[in-house]
C-alpha atoms as a PDB file:
ATOM      1  CA  MET A   1     120.134 110.237  66.983  1.00  0.00           C
ATOM      2  CA  ASN A   2     116.933 109.974  69.456  1.00  0.00           C
ATOM      3  CA  LYS A   3     116.080 106.829  71.584  1.00  0.00           C
ATOM      4  CA  TYR A   4     112.452 104.997  71.051  1.00  0.00           C
ATOM      5  CA  MET A   5     111.834 102.254  73.452  1.00  0.00           C
ATOM      6  CA  LEU A   6     109.894  99.755  72.277  1.00  0.00           C
ATOM      7  CA  LEU A   7     107.509  97.356  73.937  1.00  0.00           C
ATOM      8  CA  PHE A   8     105.613  94.305  73.111  1.00  0.00           C
ATOM      9  CA  ARG A   9     101.916  93.324  74.483  1.00  0.00           C
ATOM     10  CA  ILE A  10     100.070  90.573  74.074  1.00  0.00           C
ATOM     11  CA  ASP A  11      97.619  88.355  75.743  1.00  0.00           C
ATOM     12  CA  PRO A  12      99.745  85.451  77.787  1.00  0.00           C
ATOM     13  CA  GLY A  13      97.142  82.779  76.281  1.00  0.00           C
ATOM     14  CA  TYR A  14      98.238  83.743  72.747  1.00  0.00           C
ATOM     15  CA  PHE A  15     100.814  81.326  73.071  1.00  0.00           C
ATOM     16  CA  LYS A  16      98.858  78.123  73.732  1.00  0.00           C
ATOM     17  CA  THR A  17      96.445  78.797  71.121  1.00  0.00           C
ATOM     18  CA  VAL A  18      99.460  77.937  67.570  1.00  0.00           C
ATOM     19  CA  SER A  19     100.769  75.679  66.758  1.00  0.00           C
ATOM     20  CA  PRO A  20     104.654  75.171  66.366  1.00  0.00           C
ATOM     21  CA  GLU A  21     104.594  75.378  62.783  1.00  0.00           C
ATOM     22  CA  GLN A  22     102.893  79.149  63.945  1.00  0.00           C
ATOM     23  CA  MET A  23     104.951  79.551  66.086  1.00  0.00           C
ATOM     24  CA  GLN A  24     108.132  78.940  63.498  1.00  0.00           C
ATOM     25  CA  GLN A  25     106.205  81.661  61.190  1.00  0.00           C
ATOM     26  CA  THR A  26     105.874  84.204  63.808  1.00  0.00           C
ATOM     27  CA  LEU A  27     109.723  83.712  64.903  1.00  0.00           C
ATOM     28  CA  ASN A  28     111.003  84.240  60.966  1.00  0.00           C
ATOM     29  CA  LYS A  29     108.739  87.083  61.166  1.00  0.00           C
ATOM     30  CA  TRP A  30     110.382  88.778  63.380  1.00  0.00           C
ATOM     31  CA  MET A  31     113.604  87.778  63.438  1.00  0.00           C
ATOM     32  CA  ASP A  32     112.755  89.696  59.703  1.00  0.00           C
ATOM     33  CA  TRP A  33     111.625  92.770  61.127  1.00  0.00           C
ATOM     34  CA  LYS A  34     114.851  93.070  63.334  1.00  0.00           C
ATOM     35  CA  ASN A  35     117.435  92.000  60.458  1.00  0.00           C
ATOM     36  CA  ARG A  36     115.223  94.942  58.519  1.00  0.00           C
ATOM     37  CA  LEU A  37     115.964  97.224  61.019  1.00  0.00           C
ATOM     38  CA  GLU A  38     119.456  96.583  61.882  1.00  0.00           C
ATOM     39  CA  GLN A  39     120.580  97.022  57.896  1.00  0.00           C
ATOM     40  CA  GLU A  40     118.650 100.716  57.945  1.00  0.00           C
ATOM     41  CA  GLY A  41     120.444 101.382  60.872  1.00  0.00           C
ATOM     42  CA  HIS A  42     117.847 102.286  63.339  1.00  0.00           C
ATOM     43  CA  LEU A  43     118.230  98.796  65.817  1.00  0.00           C
ATOM     44  CA  ASP A  44     119.850  99.995  69.307  1.00  0.00           C
ATOM     45  CA  GLN A  45     118.860  96.979  71.224  1.00  0.00           C
ATOM     46  CA  PHE A  46     117.739  93.967  70.427  1.00  0.00           C
ATOM     47  CA  GLY A  47     115.548  92.232  73.720  1.00  0.00           C
ATOM     48  CA  ASP A  48     115.141  89.247  74.985  1.00  0.00           C
ATOM     49  CA  ARG A  49     111.793  88.094  75.096  1.00  0.00           C
ATOM     50  CA  LEU A  50     110.060  87.683  79.103  1.00  0.00           C
ATOM     51  CA  GLN A  51     109.190  84.773  81.073  1.00  0.00           C
ATOM     52  CA  HIS A  52     106.009  85.593  82.465  1.00  0.00           C
ATOM     53  CA  SER A  53     106.910  85.464  86.067  1.00  0.00           C
ATOM     54  CA  GLY A  54     108.968  87.852  88.565  1.00  0.00           C
ATOM     55  CA  LYS A  55     108.016  90.374  91.806  1.00  0.00           C
ATOM     56  CA  VAL A  56     106.612  93.139  92.039  1.00  0.00           C
ATOM     57  CA  ILE A  57     107.331  95.458  94.719  1.00  0.00           C
ATOM     58  CA  CYS A  58     104.442  98.414  95.508  1.00  0.00           C
ATOM     59  CA  GLY A  59     104.007 101.836  97.363  1.00  0.00           C
ATOM     60  CA  LYS A  60     105.283 102.128 100.995  1.00  0.00           C
ATOM     61  CA  THR A  61     105.298  99.302 102.630  1.00  0.00           C
ATOM     62  CA  LYS A  62     107.240  97.524 100.088  1.00  0.00           C
ATOM     63  CA  GLU A  63     105.670  94.507  99.661  1.00  0.00           C
ATOM     64  CA  ILE A  64     106.807  91.597  97.670  1.00  0.00           C
ATOM     65  CA  THR A  65     104.309  89.844  95.472  1.00  0.00           C
ATOM     66  CA  ASP A  66     104.302  87.314  92.607  1.00  0.00           C
ATOM     67  CA  GLY A  67     104.192  87.936  89.640  1.00  0.00           C
ATOM     68  CA  PRO A  68     102.774  88.928  86.806  1.00  0.00           C
ATOM     69  CA  PHE A  69     101.877  91.656  87.995  1.00  0.00           C
ATOM     70  CA  ILE A  70      98.237  92.241  87.764  1.00  0.00           C
ATOM     71  CA  GLU A  71      95.097  90.072  86.022  1.00  0.00           C
ATOM     72  CA  VAL A  72      95.898  91.504  82.034  1.00  0.00           C
ATOM     73  CA  LYS A  73      94.500  91.143  79.078  1.00  0.00           C
ATOM     74  CA  ASP A  74      97.871  91.738  77.776  1.00  0.00           C
ATOM     75  CA  ALA A  75     101.411  91.650  79.208  1.00  0.00           C
ATOM     76  CA  VAL A  76     104.683  92.879  78.177  1.00  0.00           C
ATOM     77  CA  GLN A  77     106.470  89.970  75.610  1.00  0.00           C
ATOM     78  CA  GLY A  78     109.461  92.096  75.187  1.00  0.00           C
ATOM     79  CA  TYR A  79     111.331  95.251  74.066  1.00  0.00           C
ATOM     80  CA  LEU A  80     113.660  96.963  72.005  1.00  0.00           C
ATOM     81  CA  VAL A  81     115.100  99.539  71.327  1.00  0.00           C
ATOM     82  CA  LEU A  82     115.151 101.708  67.936  1.00  0.00           C
ATOM     83  CA  GLN A  83     117.579 105.040  67.321  1.00  0.00           C
ATOM     84  CA  THR A  84     115.151 107.133  64.519  1.00  0.00           C
ATOM     85  CA  GLU A  85     114.850 111.100  64.497  1.00  0.00           C
ATOM     86  CA  THR A  86     111.254 111.455  65.119  1.00  0.00           C
ATOM     87  CA  LEU A  87     108.768 109.840  67.345  1.00  0.00           C
ATOM     88  CA  GLU A  88     106.863 109.710  63.719  1.00  0.00           C
ATOM     89  CA  GLN A  89     109.444 107.698  62.608  1.00  0.00           C
ATOM     90  CA  ALA A  90     109.864 105.239  65.035  1.00  0.00           C
ATOM     91  CA  SER A  91     106.247 104.912  64.499  1.00  0.00           C
ATOM     92  CA  GLU A  92     106.472 104.303  61.250  1.00  0.00           C
ATOM     93  CA  LEU A  93     108.941 101.452  62.089  1.00  0.00           C
ATOM     94  CA  ALA A  94     106.931  99.656  64.477  1.00  0.00           C
ATOM     95  CA  LEU A  95     103.875  99.109  62.064  1.00  0.00           C
ATOM     96  CA  GLY A  96     105.751  95.792  60.933  1.00  0.00           C
ATOM     97  CA  CYS A  97     106.008  94.640  64.270  1.00  0.00           C
ATOM     98  CA  PRO A  98     104.752  90.721  64.366  1.00  0.00           C
ATOM     99  CA  VAL A  99     103.392  91.808  67.717  1.00  0.00           C
ATOM    100  CA  LEU A 100     100.259  93.567  65.853  1.00  0.00           C
ATOM    101  CA  ASP A 101      99.658  90.351  63.977  1.00  0.00           C
ATOM    102  CA  GLN A 102      98.409  88.161  66.632  1.00  0.00           C
ATOM    103  CA  GLY A 103      96.822  91.338  67.807  1.00  0.00           C
ATOM    104  CA  GLY A 104      99.346  92.764  70.714  1.00  0.00           C
ATOM    105  CA  SER A 105     100.355  96.001  70.557  1.00  0.00           C
ATOM    106  CA  VAL A 106     103.512  98.149  70.629  1.00  0.00           C
ATOM    107  CA  GLU A 107     103.481 101.487  73.516  1.00  0.00           C
ATOM    108  CA  ILE A 108     106.714 103.478  72.103  1.00  0.00           C
ATOM    109  CA  ARG A 109     108.199 105.971  74.642  1.00  0.00           C
ATOM    110  CA  PRO A 110     111.074 108.055  74.008  1.00  0.00           C
ATOM    111  CA  LEU A 111     114.010 107.420  76.287  1.00  0.00           C
ATOM    112  CA  ILE A 112     115.151 111.233  78.051  1.00  0.00           C
ATOM    113  CA  LYS A 113     118.645 111.828  77.075  1.00  0.00           C
ATOM    114  CA  THR A 114     121.360 111.584  79.636  1.00  0.00           C
ATOM    115  CA  ASP A 115     124.390 113.185  78.041  1.00  0.00           C
END
């Protein structure tokens, strides 16, 4: 099995536009999707949601600046790691990600095997 990191991106402003009921519905969709991946044996790691703050260190000067990094339309909101045979299979599983219903995107990146 190969491992693939899925990075979830969405406009941070999205969360200001939804009601508590809509947020609960979205959370339920996320948990249903996560549970399906887990039951099918594809979920390796379900990462926590990321906060909107942080630090960035850049270049040779190693200057530390406050996040969220740069002005972007879409920011990384969270991640998970899948185990599948192929990138194509990981892509198919990512089609069920609820962030897509919210206008976000999923970036799928193969992890380099170290063993």
